[in-house]
Amino acid sequence: MFDERSPIYQQIADGIKNDIVSGVLKEEEQVMSTNQYAAFYRINPATAAKGFQLLTEEGILYKKRGIGMFVSPDARDKLLQVRRERFFEEVVNPMVEEADRIGVPIAEVMKHIEKRGESRS
């Protein structure tokens, strides 16, 4: 599951975020404990705890004392908003700039995107 591209705790946080965005984890649902996570993935519990800490600082997870960690009620909306903003910054804007550089009109780009959208339906 883990690779060398980023720290394991970051990959843990990203994996939980992906599960929330995709609906695998629902809002107010309990997540595995750091010890369960560490045992399941055979990692140091401190590393798992660091990933969970990151998510609590971002407001994605919250603690219920003595019970465990849960997905925040607005976690999915928060994550979708961040990803949508990042999508336009990292994907759409560079694509539009490249289209300008190589002389592809925006209307042609839109037509292509619409065609792709129709074929997915």
N, C-alpha and C. Protein backbone atom coordinates (compact mmCIF):
# COMPACT_ATOMS: atom_id res chain seq x y z
N MET A 1 0.81 -1.19 0.00
CA MET A 1 0.00 0.00 0.00
C MET A 1 0.86 1.26 0.00
N PHE A 2 1.96 1.27 0.69
CA PHE A 2 2.76 2.48 0.80
C PHE A 2 3.90 2.48 -0.20
N ASP A 3 4.28 3.68 -0.65
CA ASP A 3 5.39 3.80 -1.58
C ASP A 3 6.40 4.81 -1.03
N GLU A 4 7.39 5.11 -1.82
CA GLU A 4 8.49 5.98 -1.37
C GLU A 4 8.27 7.45 -1.71
N ARG A 5 7.16 7.78 -2.38
CA ARG A 5 6.96 9.15 -2.86
C ARG A 5 6.69 10.17 -1.76
N SER A 6 6.09 9.75 -0.66
CA SER A 6 5.79 10.67 0.43
C SER A 6 5.85 9.90 1.75
N PRO A 7 5.91 10.63 2.88
CA PRO A 7 5.98 9.94 4.17
C PRO A 7 4.75 9.05 4.39
N ILE A 8 4.93 7.97 5.11
CA ILE A 8 3.84 7.01 5.34
C ILE A 8 2.66 7.69 6.04
N TYR A 9 2.95 8.56 7.02
CA TYR A 9 1.82 9.19 7.73
C TYR A 9 0.98 10.02 6.77
N GLN A 10 1.64 10.64 5.77
CA GLN A 10 0.90 11.42 4.77
C GLN A 10 0.06 10.50 3.89
N GLN A 11 0.60 9.35 3.54
CA GLN A 11 -0.13 8.38 2.73
C GLN A 11 -1.33 7.82 3.51
N ILE A 12 -1.17 7.65 4.81
CA ILE A 12 -2.29 7.20 5.65
C ILE A 12 -3.40 8.25 5.60
N ALA A 13 -3.02 9.50 5.81
CA ALA A 13 -4.01 10.59 5.79
C ALA A 13 -4.68 10.68 4.42
N ASP A 14 -3.89 10.59 3.36
CA ASP A 14 -4.45 10.65 2.00
C ASP A 14 -5.40 9.48 1.72
N GLY A 15 -5.04 8.30 2.21
CA GLY A 15 -5.89 7.13 2.01
C GLY A 15 -7.24 7.29 2.70
N ILE A 16 -7.22 7.81 3.92
CA ILE A 16 -8.47 8.04 4.65
C ILE A 16 -9.29 9.11 3.94
N LYS A 17 -8.61 10.15 3.47
CA LYS A 17 -9.33 11.20 2.72
C LYS A 17 -9.99 10.62 1.47
N ASN A 18 -9.26 9.78 0.75
CA ASN A 18 -9.83 9.14 -0.45
C ASN A 18 -11.04 8.29 -0.10
N ASP A 19 -10.97 7.58 1.02
CA ASP A 19 -12.10 6.75 1.45
C ASP A 19 -13.32 7.62 1.79
N ILE A 20 -13.08 8.80 2.34
CA ILE A 20 -14.20 9.71 2.66
C ILE A 20 -14.79 10.27 1.38
N VAL A 21 -13.95 10.73 0.47
CA VAL A 21 -14.43 11.31 -0.79
C VAL A 21 -15.21 10.27 -1.60
N SER A 22 -14.72 9.04 -1.64
CA SER A 22 -15.38 8.00 -2.45
C SER A 22 -16.60 7.41 -1.76
N GLY A 23 -16.80 7.72 -0.49
CA GLY A 23 -17.97 7.22 0.22
C GLY A 23 -17.75 5.92 0.96
N VAL A 24 -16.54 5.39 0.92
CA VAL A 24 -16.23 4.18 1.68
C VAL A 24 -16.39 4.46 3.17
N LEU A 25 -15.91 5.64 3.59
CA LEU A 25 -16.11 6.09 4.97
C LEU A 25 -17.16 7.20 4.96
N LYS A 26 -18.17 7.06 5.76
CA LYS A 26 -19.26 8.04 5.84
C LYS A 26 -19.02 9.02 6.99
N GLU A 27 -19.66 10.16 6.89
CA GLU A 27 -19.58 11.14 7.96
C GLU A 27 -20.16 10.54 9.24
N GLU A 28 -19.51 10.82 10.33
CA GLU A 28 -19.86 10.31 11.67
C GLU A 28 -19.53 8.82 11.85
N GLU A 29 -18.88 8.22 10.85
CA GLU A 29 -18.50 6.81 10.99
C GLU A 29 -17.19 6.70 11.74
N GLN A 30 -17.08 5.68 12.57
CA GLN A 30 -15.85 5.45 13.31
C GLN A 30 -14.80 4.86 12.39
N VAL A 31 -13.56 5.32 12.55
CA VAL A 31 -12.45 4.77 11.77
C VAL A 31 -11.63 3.85 12.67
N MET A 32 -10.79 3.04 12.05
CA MET A 32 -9.93 2.15 12.84
C MET A 32 -9.08 2.98 13.79
N SER A 33 -8.74 2.40 14.91
CA SER A 33 -7.84 3.08 15.85
C SER A 33 -6.43 3.10 15.26
N THR A 34 -5.59 3.92 15.84
CA THR A 34 -4.21 3.97 15.36
C THR A 34 -3.53 2.62 15.56
N ASN A 35 -3.83 1.96 16.67
CA ASN A 35 -3.23 0.64 16.92
C ASN A 35 -3.73 -0.41 15.92
N GLN A 36 -5.03 -0.38 15.62
CA GLN A 36 -5.57 -1.31 14.61
C GLN A 36 -4.93 -1.03 13.25
N TYR A 37 -4.83 0.26 12.94
CA TYR A 37 -4.25 0.65 11.66
C TYR A 37 -2.80 0.18 11.56
N ALA A 38 -2.06 0.42 12.65
CA ALA A 38 -0.65 0.03 12.68
C ALA A 38 -0.50 -1.49 12.54
N ALA A 39 -1.35 -2.24 13.23
CA ALA A 39 -1.27 -3.70 13.15
C ALA A 39 -1.66 -4.19 11.76
N PHE A 40 -2.70 -3.61 11.19
CA PHE A 40 -3.17 -4.04 9.88
C PHE A 40 -2.12 -3.82 8.81
N TYR A 41 -1.49 -2.64 8.83
CA TYR A 41 -0.51 -2.29 7.80
C TYR A 41 0.93 -2.57 8.22
N ARG A 42 1.09 -3.12 9.43
CA ARG A 42 2.41 -3.47 9.94
C ARG A 42 3.37 -2.28 9.92
N ILE A 43 2.89 -1.20 10.54
CA ILE A 43 3.70 0.01 10.66
C ILE A 43 3.78 0.40 12.14
N ASN A 44 4.64 1.34 12.44
CA ASN A 44 4.78 1.83 13.80
C ASN A 44 3.51 2.59 14.20
N PRO A 45 2.96 2.31 15.39
CA PRO A 45 1.76 3.04 15.83
C PRO A 45 1.95 4.55 15.87
N ALA A 46 3.16 5.01 16.14
CA ALA A 46 3.43 6.46 16.16
C ALA A 46 3.25 7.06 14.76
N THR A 47 3.59 6.28 13.74
CA THR A 47 3.42 6.77 12.35
C THR A 47 1.93 6.89 12.03
N ALA A 48 1.16 5.88 12.41
CA ALA A 48 -0.29 5.94 12.19
C ALA A 48 -0.88 7.11 12.97
N ALA A 49 -0.42 7.29 14.21
CA ALA A 49 -0.94 8.38 15.03
C ALA A 49 -0.65 9.74 14.40
N LYS A 50 0.50 9.87 13.77
CA LYS A 50 0.86 11.13 13.12
C LYS A 50 -0.09 11.42 11.96
N GLY A 51 -0.46 10.40 11.20
CA GLY A 51 -1.43 10.58 10.12
C GLY A 51 -2.80 10.99 10.65
N PHE A 52 -3.21 10.36 11.73
CA PHE A 52 -4.51 10.69 12.34
C PHE A 52 -4.47 12.11 12.92
N GLN A 53 -3.33 12.47 13.50
CA GLN A 53 -3.19 13.82 14.06
C GLN A 53 -3.35 14.87 12.96
N LEU A 54 -2.76 14.61 11.82
CA LEU A 54 -2.88 15.53 10.69
C LEU A 54 -4.36 15.71 10.31
N LEU A 55 -5.09 14.62 10.29
CA LEU A 55 -6.52 14.68 9.92
C LEU A 55 -7.36 15.40 10.97
N THR A 56 -7.00 15.26 12.22
CA THR A 56 -7.76 15.98 13.25
C THR A 56 -7.46 17.47 13.19
N GLU A 57 -6.20 17.81 12.88
CA GLU A 57 -5.84 19.24 12.75
C GLU A 57 -6.57 19.88 11.57
N GLU A 58 -6.82 19.11 10.53
CA GLU A 58 -7.53 19.63 9.36
C GLU A 58 -9.04 19.59 9.53
N GLY A 59 -9.50 19.01 10.63
CA GLY A 59 -10.94 18.93 10.88
C GLY A 59 -11.64 17.82 10.11
N ILE A 60 -10.88 16.87 9.62
CA ILE A 60 -11.45 15.75 8.87
C ILE A 60 -11.92 14.65 9.82
N LEU A 61 -11.17 14.43 10.87
CA LEU A 61 -11.55 13.47 11.91
C LEU A 61 -11.68 14.20 13.23
N TYR A 62 -12.46 13.62 14.13
CA TYR A 62 -12.51 14.14 15.49
C TYR A 62 -12.54 12.97 16.47
N LYS A 63 -12.14 13.29 17.70
CA LYS A 63 -12.04 12.25 18.72
C LYS A 63 -13.27 12.28 19.60
N LYS A 64 -13.75 11.10 19.95
CA LYS A 64 -14.74 10.96 21.02
C LYS A 64 -13.98 10.28 22.14
N ARG A 65 -13.78 11.01 23.20
CA ARG A 65 -12.95 10.52 24.29
C ARG A 65 -13.42 9.14 24.78
N GLY A 66 -12.47 8.23 24.81
CA GLY A 66 -12.74 6.89 25.30
C GLY A 66 -13.42 5.99 24.29
N ILE A 67 -13.78 6.53 23.15
CA ILE A 67 -14.48 5.71 22.13
C ILE A 67 -13.62 5.52 20.89
N GLY A 68 -13.08 6.63 20.35
CA GLY A 68 -12.24 6.51 19.16
C GLY A 68 -12.32 7.71 18.26
N MET A 69 -11.90 7.52 17.02
CA MET A 69 -11.87 8.59 16.02
C MET A 69 -13.03 8.42 15.05
N PHE A 70 -13.61 9.56 14.67
CA PHE A 70 -14.77 9.54 13.78
C PHE A 70 -14.58 10.55 12.65
N VAL A 71 -15.28 10.32 11.56
CA VAL A 71 -15.25 11.24 10.43
C VAL A 71 -16.13 12.44 10.79
N SER A 72 -15.60 13.63 10.60
CA SER A 72 -16.34 14.86 10.91
C SER A 72 -17.57 15.00 10.01
N PRO A 73 -18.61 15.63 10.52
CA PRO A 73 -19.85 15.75 9.76
C PRO A 73 -19.70 16.44 8.41
N ASP A 74 -18.77 17.38 8.30
CA ASP A 74 -18.62 18.11 7.04
C ASP A 74 -17.34 17.74 6.29
N ALA A 75 -16.75 16.62 6.66
CA ALA A 75 -15.45 16.22 6.09
C ALA A 75 -15.51 16.07 4.56
N ARG A 76 -16.53 15.38 4.07
CA ARG A 76 -16.59 15.12 2.63
C ARG A 76 -16.72 16.44 1.86
N ASP A 77 -17.57 17.33 2.32
CA ASP A 77 -17.73 18.63 1.64
C ASP A 77 -16.42 19.41 1.64
N LYS A 78 -15.73 19.42 2.78
CA LYS A 78 -14.44 20.11 2.87
C LYS A 78 -13.45 19.55 1.86
N LEU A 79 -13.36 18.23 1.83
CA LEU A 79 -12.40 17.58 0.94
C LEU A 79 -12.75 17.82 -0.53
N LEU A 80 -14.03 17.75 -0.86
CA LEU A 80 -14.43 18.00 -2.25
C LEU A 80 -14.11 19.43 -2.66
N GLN A 81 -14.34 20.38 -1.77
CA GLN A 81 -14.05 21.78 -2.09
C GLN A 81 -12.56 21.98 -2.35
N VAL A 82 -11.73 21.41 -1.51
CA VAL A 82 -10.28 21.53 -1.67
C VAL A 82 -9.84 20.88 -2.99
N ARG A 83 -10.38 19.71 -3.28
CA ARG A 83 -9.97 19.00 -4.50
C ARG A 83 -10.46 19.71 -5.75
N ARG A 84 -11.64 20.29 -5.69
CA ARG A 84 -12.13 21.03 -6.85
C ARG A 84 -11.24 22.24 -7.13
N GLU A 85 -10.88 22.97 -6.07
CA GLU A 85 -9.99 24.12 -6.24
C GLU A 85 -8.64 23.68 -6.82
N ARG A 86 -8.12 22.59 -6.27
CA ARG A 86 -6.83 22.07 -6.75
C ARG A 86 -6.93 21.59 -8.20
N PHE A 87 -8.07 21.00 -8.55
CA PHE A 87 -8.28 20.52 -9.92
C PHE A 87 -8.16 21.68 -10.92
N PHE A 88 -8.80 22.80 -10.61
CA PHE A 88 -8.72 23.94 -11.53
C PHE A 88 -7.31 24.53 -11.57
N GLU A 89 -6.67 24.60 -10.40
CA GLU A 89 -5.32 25.17 -10.35
C GLU A 89 -4.29 24.28 -11.04
N GLU A 90 -4.38 22.98 -10.80
CA GLU A 90 -3.33 22.07 -11.26
C GLU A 90 -3.63 21.41 -12.60
N VAL A 91 -4.90 21.35 -13.00
CA VAL A 91 -5.25 20.65 -14.23
C VAL A 91 -5.82 21.60 -15.28
N VAL A 92 -6.88 22.30 -14.94
CA VAL A 92 -7.58 23.12 -15.94
C VAL A 92 -6.73 24.32 -16.36
N ASN A 93 -6.22 25.06 -15.41
CA ASN A 93 -5.45 26.26 -15.77
C ASN A 93 -4.24 25.94 -16.64
N PRO A 94 -3.42 24.95 -16.27
CA PRO A 94 -2.30 24.59 -17.16
C PRO A 94 -2.77 24.10 -18.54
N MET A 95 -3.90 23.41 -18.58
CA MET A 95 -4.43 22.92 -19.87
C MET A 95 -4.83 24.11 -20.75
N VAL A 96 -5.49 25.09 -20.18
CA VAL A 96 -5.92 26.27 -20.94
C VAL A 96 -4.68 27.04 -21.43
N GLU A 97 -3.69 27.17 -20.56
CA GLU A 97 -2.46 27.87 -20.96
C GLU A 97 -1.76 27.14 -22.11
N GLU A 98 -1.70 25.82 -22.03
CA GLU A 98 -1.08 25.04 -23.11
C GLU A 98 -1.89 25.15 -24.39
N ALA A 99 -3.21 25.13 -24.28
CA ALA A 99 -4.06 25.28 -25.46
C ALA A 99 -3.78 26.63 -26.13
N ASP A 100 -3.64 27.67 -25.32
CA ASP A 100 -3.31 29.01 -25.86
C ASP A 100 -1.96 28.97 -26.59
N ARG A 101 -0.96 28.35 -25.95
CA ARG A 101 0.39 28.31 -26.53
C ARG A 101 0.41 27.61 -27.88
N ILE A 102 -0.37 26.54 -28.01
CA ILE A 102 -0.32 25.78 -29.26
C ILE A 102 -1.45 26.12 -30.22
N GLY A 103 -2.23 27.14 -29.86
CA GLY A 103 -3.24 27.64 -30.78
C GLY A 103 -4.52 26.83 -30.87
N VAL A 104 -4.86 26.14 -29.80
CA VAL A 104 -6.12 25.41 -29.78
C VAL A 104 -7.18 26.32 -29.14
N PRO A 105 -8.22 26.68 -29.88
CA PRO A 105 -9.26 27.53 -29.30
C PRO A 105 -9.98 26.85 -28.13
N ILE A 106 -10.38 27.63 -27.14
CA ILE A 106 -11.08 27.09 -25.97
C ILE A 106 -12.35 26.35 -26.41
N ALA A 107 -13.02 26.87 -27.45
CA ALA A 107 -14.24 26.22 -27.94
C ALA A 107 -13.95 24.79 -28.39
N GLU A 108 -12.78 24.58 -29.01
CA GLU A 108 -12.42 23.23 -29.45
C GLU A 108 -12.11 22.33 -28.25
N VAL A 109 -11.48 22.90 -27.24
CA VAL A 109 -11.21 22.14 -26.01
C VAL A 109 -12.53 21.73 -25.37
N MET A 110 -13.46 22.68 -25.28
CA MET A 110 -14.77 22.40 -24.68
C MET A 110 -15.51 21.31 -25.46
N LYS A 111 -15.45 21.40 -26.80
CA LYS A 111 -16.12 20.41 -27.64
C LYS A 111 -15.55 19.01 -27.37
N HIS A 112 -14.24 18.94 -27.25
CA HIS A 112 -13.58 17.67 -26.97
C HIS A 112 -14.01 17.12 -25.60
N ILE A 113 -14.05 17.99 -24.61
CA ILE A 113 -14.45 17.57 -23.26
C ILE A 113 -15.90 17.08 -23.26
N GLU A 114 -16.76 17.81 -23.96
CA GLU A 114 -18.17 17.40 -24.02
C GLU A 114 -18.32 16.03 -24.70
N LYS A 115 -17.54 15.80 -25.75
CA LYS A 115 -17.58 14.51 -26.44
C LYS A 115 -17.17 13.38 -25.49
N ARG A 116 -16.10 13.64 -24.73
CA ARG A 116 -15.62 12.64 -23.76
C ARG A 116 -16.69 12.38 -22.70
N GLY A 117 -17.36 13.46 -22.27
CA GLY A 117 -18.42 13.32 -21.28
C GLY A 117 -19.58 12.50 -21.79
N GLU A 118 -19.93 12.70 -23.06
CA GLU A 118 -21.04 11.95 -23.65
C GLU A 118 -20.69 10.47 -23.77
N SER A 119 -19.44 10.18 -24.10
CA SER A 119 -19.06 8.77 -24.26
C SER A 119 -19.01 8.04 -22.92
N ARG A 120 -18.89 8.77 -21.83
CA ARG A 120 -18.85 8.16 -20.49
C ARG A 120 -20.26 7.88 -19.97
N SER A 121 -21.27 8.53 -20.56
CA SER A 121 -22.65 8.38 -20.07
C SER A 121 -23.27 7.07 -20.50
